[in-house]
Amino acid sequence: MTKAWVLSRSMPLELYSCDRVYKGFLRHNIDTKFVDLFDVKLYGNNLVYEGEKLTPPDVAVIPNAIRVPRLNIERNEHFKKSLAADIVDSYNAIQILKSWNTLFVNDLDAHADASDKWITYNKLVNAGISMPRTCTFPIRLDHDFTRQDLKDIILNIVGEPFVVKRAMGFNGLGVELCNSIDDLESVCKKIWRDYPQPLIIQEYMGYSTGMIVTVGIVGDEIFPVARVGDPTLPAFKADIYAGRLQIAYKTTPELYDMCMKAKEALGLDYVRFDMMMSEDGELKVIEVNSPGGYNVISLSHNMEFGFKMVDCALSKLKDL
């Protein structure tokens, strides 16, 4: 009998379609189990969860916002020092999971990369996807704020004002608007008080029409939603639930091709993109969520995105 896991940070979390994915597997009479990575215990090379030794499932879906900490630990010594013990344990658990012959949807490495805005930015730009103007280097904790040449690069590429955001973040946390290059140091240090990690500098899309286009993508299907609302909301944060009217958005061939191209560049099976409109009417990707909240998309399109995730996973499993 096919075995499936729903990998979750908490069980279940409605926002991230965990319960829908769970029910989606049960609809196919599949033996399904919730597994919270932060509660998995390591005993040598064995993984124990709720007092039970875990054995490899056939397929595992990640509907929750588990920020797979592979890159944090291996590439960022500053961030490594701030990691809680349970996150380090989940990192070690992930290394064991990756050695199993289990189909992960999304792929664990691709999911980890998509959680890093700097890696994501470079992958998408190299694939020809339009994004906000972005500084060519991240601001690290040892950045020399006195160097005029670095200030000039920021001004020439991005301009003022600009947005400063942490490389690994979500829900608009650790994202600040910087009105002047002279305020960069104070803005960075403000973010670093809570999030000691590299920061990214991007164009401030203050000219946005107030409309954010959110697109849920799974397999070869896309489900765009236009979120139109309060013009006083900050144009540098794509808060999916902050007082915006959600309506289904027309799928054009251009939008479909861009979404498929971006998804393939990231190596993901499903993803949510948040986009803003530029002055000339071009959609720019401002946020990548792997995974993300899909309730808005499900409601706007009168379907269950979580069931679509399960169908995608089972289709991939069948093709192995």
Protein backbone atom coordinates (compact mmCIF):
# COMPACT_ATOMS: atom_id res chain seq x y z
CA MET A 1 0.00 0.00 0.00
CA THR A 2 1.27 3.46 -0.89
CA LYS A 3 2.45 5.51 2.10
CA ALA A 4 2.43 9.31 2.16
CA TRP A 5 3.62 11.99 4.55
CA VAL A 6 2.37 15.53 4.96
CA LEU A 7 5.44 17.41 6.21
CA SER A 8 4.28 20.24 8.41
CA ARG A 9 5.63 22.73 10.93
CA SER A 10 2.43 22.42 12.94
CA MET A 11 -0.41 19.98 12.53
CA PRO A 12 -2.59 20.82 10.80
CA LEU A 13 -2.25 24.45 9.70
CA GLU A 14 -5.21 25.53 7.60
CA LEU A 15 -3.41 28.49 5.98
CA TYR A 16 -0.96 26.22 4.19
CA SER A 17 -3.48 23.60 2.97
CA CYS A 18 -2.06 20.89 5.25
CA ASP A 19 -5.51 19.49 6.01
CA ARG A 20 -6.47 19.60 2.31
CA VAL A 21 -3.35 17.70 1.31
CA TYR A 22 -4.03 15.15 4.05
CA LYS A 23 -7.65 14.72 2.93
CA GLY A 24 -6.50 14.65 -0.69
CA PHE A 25 -4.36 11.58 -0.04
CA LEU A 26 -7.17 9.91 1.92
CA ARG A 27 -9.46 10.42 -1.09
CA HIS A 28 -7.11 8.03 -2.92
CA ASN A 29 -7.16 5.51 -0.01
CA ILE A 30 -3.50 6.21 0.74
CA ASP A 31 -2.00 5.54 4.18
CA THR A 32 -1.18 9.12 5.22
CA LYS A 33 0.69 10.56 8.20
CA PHE A 34 1.39 14.07 9.47
CA VAL A 35 5.06 14.54 10.38
CA ASP A 36 6.26 17.69 12.13
CA LEU A 37 9.99 17.96 11.36
CA PHE A 38 10.57 20.10 14.43
CA ASP A 39 9.42 17.23 16.65
CA VAL A 40 11.40 14.48 14.95
CA LYS A 41 14.07 13.03 17.25
CA LEU A 42 17.38 11.59 16.07
CA TYR A 43 18.87 8.43 17.53
CA GLY A 44 21.95 7.67 15.51
CA ASN A 45 20.69 7.38 11.93
CA ASN A 46 17.16 6.59 13.06
CA LEU A 47 14.31 9.07 13.04
CA VAL A 48 11.69 8.78 15.80
CA TYR A 49 8.41 10.65 15.81
CA GLU A 50 5.77 10.41 18.55
CA GLY A 51 7.61 7.40 19.97
CA GLU A 52 7.61 5.55 16.65
CA LYS A 53 10.61 4.80 14.44
CA LEU A 54 9.97 6.30 11.05
CA THR A 55 10.33 4.29 7.87
CA PRO A 56 10.54 5.84 4.40
CA PRO A 57 7.20 6.78 2.79
CA ASP A 58 6.69 6.55 -0.95
CA VAL A 59 5.88 10.24 -1.27
CA ALA A 60 6.02 13.30 0.97
CA VAL A 61 4.42 16.69 0.32
CA ILE A 62 5.52 19.94 1.98
CA PRO A 63 2.42 22.18 2.19
CA ASN A 64 3.60 24.11 5.25
CA ALA A 65 6.14 26.92 5.49
CA ILE A 66 9.02 24.70 6.59
CA ARG A 67 12.11 26.74 5.77
CA VAL A 68 14.44 23.84 5.04
CA PRO A 69 17.59 25.07 6.85
CA ARG A 70 20.21 23.49 4.60
CA LEU A 71 21.49 26.74 3.11
CA ASN A 72 21.28 28.69 6.35
CA ILE A 73 23.61 26.31 8.12
CA GLU A 74 26.04 25.63 5.30
CA ARG A 75 26.39 29.15 3.87
CA ASN A 76 25.76 31.62 6.67
CA GLU A 77 27.87 31.34 9.80
CA HIS A 78 26.11 34.31 11.42
CA PHE A 79 22.71 32.73 10.97
CA LYS A 80 24.01 29.35 12.10
CA LYS A 81 24.90 30.82 15.49
CA SER A 82 21.33 31.99 16.01
CA LEU A 83 19.62 28.70 15.06
CA ALA A 84 17.64 27.03 17.79
CA ALA A 85 18.52 23.45 18.65
CA ASP A 86 15.28 22.10 17.19
CA ILE A 87 16.11 23.66 13.81
CA VAL A 88 19.57 22.07 13.86
CA ASP A 89 17.90 18.73 14.64
CA SER A 90 15.51 19.21 11.73
CA TYR A 91 18.50 19.98 9.50
CA ASN A 92 20.10 16.68 10.49
CA ALA A 93 16.79 14.89 9.99
CA ILE A 94 16.55 16.33 6.50
CA GLN A 95 19.96 14.90 5.61
CA ILE A 96 18.63 11.44 6.50
CA LEU A 97 15.38 12.04 4.61
CA LYS A 98 17.38 12.97 1.50
CA SER A 99 19.14 9.58 1.63
CA TRP A 100 15.79 7.78 1.41
CA ASN A 101 14.21 6.73 -1.85
CA THR A 102 11.23 8.98 -1.20
CA LEU A 103 9.63 11.34 -3.71
CA PHE A 104 9.49 14.81 -2.17
CA VAL A 105 7.07 17.36 -3.58
CA ASN A 106 8.60 19.89 -3.65
CA ASP A 107 12.16 18.58 -3.95
CA LEU A 108 13.98 19.37 -0.70
CA ASP A 109 16.95 21.13 -2.31
CA ALA A 110 14.74 23.15 -4.65
CA HIS A 111 12.53 24.08 -1.69
CA ALA A 112 15.57 25.20 0.30
CA ASP A 113 16.84 27.33 -2.58
CA ALA A 114 13.41 28.91 -3.06
CA SER A 115 13.46 29.99 0.58
CA ASP A 116 16.58 32.07 -0.12
CA LYS A 117 15.65 35.31 -1.90
CA TRP A 118 19.18 35.88 -3.20
CA ILE A 119 19.41 32.46 -4.82
CA THR A 120 15.87 32.80 -6.13
CA TYR A 121 16.57 36.22 -7.61
CA ASN A 122 19.61 34.96 -9.53
CA LYS A 123 17.83 31.86 -10.82
CA LEU A 124 14.85 33.85 -12.11
CA VAL A 125 16.87 36.69 -13.63
CA ASN A 126 19.10 34.19 -15.43
CA ALA A 127 15.92 32.61 -16.82
CA GLY A 128 14.77 35.97 -18.16
CA ILE A 129 12.04 36.58 -15.57
CA SER A 130 11.33 40.24 -14.81
CA MET A 131 12.00 41.27 -11.20
CA PRO A 132 12.49 44.56 -9.34
CA ARG A 133 15.91 46.18 -9.86
CA THR A 134 18.21 44.54 -7.34
CA CYS A 135 21.66 45.37 -5.99
CA THR A 136 24.27 42.98 -7.37
CA PHE A 137 25.54 42.00 -3.91
CA PRO A 138 23.81 41.22 -0.60
CA ILE A 139 24.52 43.36 2.48
CA ARG A 140 26.30 41.12 4.95
CA LEU A 141 26.78 41.70 8.66
CA ASP A 142 30.38 42.80 8.10
CA HIS A 143 29.42 45.32 5.38
CA ASP A 144 31.53 48.50 5.32
CA PHE A 145 28.94 51.28 5.31
CA THR A 146 31.63 53.94 4.87
CA ARG A 147 32.56 52.82 1.34
CA GLN A 148 31.27 55.35 -1.16
CA ASP A 149 31.82 53.00 -4.08
CA LEU A 150 29.32 50.55 -2.63
CA LYS A 151 26.83 53.35 -2.05
CA ASP A 152 27.26 54.45 -5.66
CA ILE A 153 26.53 50.93 -6.92
CA ILE A 154 23.28 50.87 -4.96
CA LEU A 155 22.24 54.29 -6.24
CA ASN A 156 23.15 53.53 -9.86
CA ILE A 157 21.39 50.15 -9.96
CA VAL A 158 18.43 50.56 -7.64
CA GLY A 159 18.01 54.27 -6.90
CA GLU A 160 16.22 55.95 -4.00
CA PRO A 161 14.09 55.13 -2.13
CA PHE A 162 14.71 51.39 -1.97
CA VAL A 163 13.57 48.32 -0.08
CA VAL A 164 15.80 46.37 2.31
CA LYS A 165 14.72 42.79 3.03
CA ARG A 166 16.25 39.78 4.70
CA ALA A 167 17.41 37.00 2.41
CA MET A 168 15.35 34.34 4.18
CA GLY A 169 11.98 35.62 5.29
CA PHE A 170 8.23 35.63 4.86
CA ASN A 171 5.05 37.54 5.82
CA GLY A 172 6.78 40.89 5.30
CA LEU A 173 8.90 40.44 8.45
CA GLY A 174 12.35 42.00 8.24
CA VAL A 175 11.37 44.20 5.28
CA GLU A 176 11.92 47.96 5.53
CA LEU A 177 11.72 50.98 3.25
CA CYS A 178 14.92 53.06 3.12
CA ASN A 179 14.31 56.61 1.85
CA SER A 180 17.97 57.58 1.54
CA ILE A 181 21.33 55.89 1.12
CA ASP A 182 22.38 57.77 4.25
CA ASP A 183 19.85 55.73 6.24
CA LEU A 184 21.07 52.35 4.98
CA GLU A 185 23.19 51.52 8.02
CA SER A 186 20.46 52.30 10.54
CA VAL A 187 17.84 50.37 8.54
CA CYS A 188 20.10 47.32 8.22
CA LYS A 189 20.95 47.33 11.91
CA LYS A 190 17.26 47.61 12.77
CA ILE A 191 16.54 44.43 10.80
CA TRP A 192 19.64 42.67 12.15
CA ARG A 193 18.42 43.10 15.73
CA ASP A 194 15.85 40.40 15.01
CA TYR A 195 17.23 38.71 11.88
CA PRO A 196 21.05 38.43 11.77
CA GLN A 197 21.41 37.40 8.14
CA PRO A 198 22.35 38.91 4.76
CA LEU A 199 20.02 41.56 3.37
CA ILE A 200 18.91 42.32 -0.18
CA ILE A 201 18.35 45.78 -1.65
CA GLN A 202 15.62 46.13 -4.26
CA GLU A 203 13.69 48.71 -6.20
CA TYR A 204 10.78 50.36 -4.38
CA MET A 205 7.76 49.82 -6.57
CA GLY A 206 5.94 52.87 -5.25
CA TYR A 207 4.41 53.40 -8.65
CA SER A 208 2.42 50.18 -8.25
CA THR A 209 -1.25 50.51 -9.12
CA GLY A 210 -2.19 48.95 -5.79
CA MET A 211 -2.86 45.64 -7.52
CA ILE A 212 -0.89 42.54 -6.66
CA VAL A 213 -1.23 39.49 -8.88
CA THR A 214 -0.77 36.24 -7.00
CA VAL A 215 -0.37 33.07 -9.04
CA GLY A 216 -0.60 29.56 -7.67
CA ILE A 217 1.15 27.08 -9.94
CA VAL A 218 0.98 23.31 -9.68
CA GLY A 219 2.14 20.92 -12.36
CA ASP A 220 1.18 22.50 -15.68
CA GLU A 221 -1.74 24.55 -14.30
CA ILE A 222 -1.75 28.15 -13.10
CA PHE A 223 -4.37 29.93 -10.98
CA PRO A 224 -3.91 33.72 -10.97
CA VAL A 225 -5.68 36.01 -8.50
CA ALA A 226 -5.77 39.81 -8.62
CA ARG A 227 -5.69 41.40 -5.19
CA VAL A 228 -6.90 44.98 -5.41
CA GLY A 229 -7.36 47.10 -2.35
CA ASP A 230 -6.23 49.71 0.10
CA PRO A 231 -3.82 52.11 -1.67
CA THR A 232 -2.34 53.05 1.71
CA LEU A 233 -0.84 49.58 2.05
CA PRO A 234 2.94 49.65 1.59
CA ALA A 235 3.89 48.90 -1.99
CA PHE A 236 6.94 46.92 -0.92
CA LYS A 237 5.12 44.21 1.01
CA ALA A 238 2.87 41.63 -0.61
CA ASP A 239 0.69 40.80 2.40
CA ILE A 240 -1.73 38.30 0.95
CA TYR A 241 -4.45 38.93 3.52
CA ALA A 242 -4.03 42.67 4.31
CA GLY A 243 -7.37 44.19 3.39
CA ARG A 244 -7.36 43.35 -0.30
CA LEU A 245 -10.22 42.24 -2.53
CA GLN A 246 -9.36 38.94 -4.21
CA ILE A 247 -10.78 38.11 -7.62
CA ALA A 248 -9.77 35.56 -10.26
CA TYR A 249 -7.38 37.10 -12.79
CA LYS A 250 -7.36 36.38 -16.49
CA THR A 251 -4.78 33.85 -17.65
CA THR A 252 -3.02 35.13 -20.74
CA PRO A 253 -0.58 33.10 -22.85
CA GLU A 254 2.19 35.49 -21.79
CA LEU A 255 1.43 35.05 -18.09
CA TYR A 256 1.22 31.26 -18.45
CA ASP A 257 4.53 31.03 -20.30
CA MET A 258 6.27 33.25 -17.75
CA CYS A 259 4.96 31.20 -14.81
CA MET A 260 5.97 27.89 -16.37
CA LYS A 261 9.41 29.25 -17.20
CA ALA A 262 9.90 30.58 -13.66
CA LYS A 263 8.68 27.36 -12.03
CA GLU A 264 11.03 25.28 -14.15
CA ALA A 265 13.96 27.59 -13.40
CA LEU A 266 13.38 26.99 -9.68
CA GLY A 267 12.91 23.23 -10.10
CA LEU A 268 9.60 23.26 -8.23
CA ASP A 269 6.42 21.19 -8.65
CA TYR A 270 4.22 23.87 -7.13
CA VAL A 271 4.83 27.45 -6.08
CA ARG A 272 3.10 30.77 -5.46
CA PHE A 273 4.38 33.94 -7.10
CA ASP A 274 3.42 37.44 -5.95
CA MET A 275 3.79 40.09 -8.64
CA MET A 276 3.40 43.85 -8.98
CA MET A 277 2.78 45.90 -12.09
CA SER A 278 5.55 48.20 -13.33
CA GLU A 279 4.91 51.67 -14.76
CA ASP A 280 4.87 50.25 -18.29
CA GLY A 281 2.41 47.48 -17.39
CA GLU A 282 4.95 44.67 -16.96
CA LEU A 283 4.41 42.19 -14.14
CA LYS A 284 7.47 41.79 -11.91
CA VAL A 285 7.93 38.91 -9.47
CA ILE A 286 8.43 40.37 -6.00
CA GLU A 287 8.03 37.23 -3.93
CA VAL A 288 8.42 33.46 -4.34
CA ASN A 289 6.66 31.16 -1.88
CA SER A 290 7.54 27.49 -1.71
CA PRO A 291 5.16 26.72 -0.23
CA GLY A 292 2.74 29.52 0.59
CA GLY A 293 -0.82 30.25 1.56
CA TYR A 294 -3.17 28.95 -1.13
CA ASN A 295 -6.57 29.52 0.48
CA VAL A 296 -7.10 32.76 -1.45
CA ILE A 297 -6.39 30.94 -4.70
CA SER A 298 -8.69 28.05 -3.83
CA LEU A 299 -11.56 30.39 -2.94
CA SER A 300 -11.11 32.62 -5.98
CA HIS A 301 -11.05 29.68 -8.39
CA ASN A 302 -13.60 27.52 -6.54
CA MET A 303 -11.33 24.52 -6.18
CA GLU A 304 -8.98 22.91 -3.63
CA PHE A 305 -5.35 23.72 -4.35
CA GLY A 306 -4.30 21.10 -1.79
CA PHE A 307 -6.03 18.40 -3.85
CA LYS A 308 -4.13 19.66 -6.91
CA MET A 309 -0.87 19.25 -4.98
CA VAL A 310 -1.77 15.64 -4.19
CA ASP A 311 -2.71 14.93 -7.82
CA CYS A 312 0.66 16.36 -8.91
CA ALA A 313 2.53 14.21 -6.37
CA LEU A 314 0.72 11.00 -7.36
CA SER A 315 1.27 11.71 -11.05
CA LYS A 316 5.00 12.08 -10.45
CA LEU A 317 5.06 8.93 -8.32
CA LYS A 318 3.33 6.98 -11.09
CA ASP A 319 5.94 8.15 -13.63
CA LEU A 320 8.90 6.89 -11.55
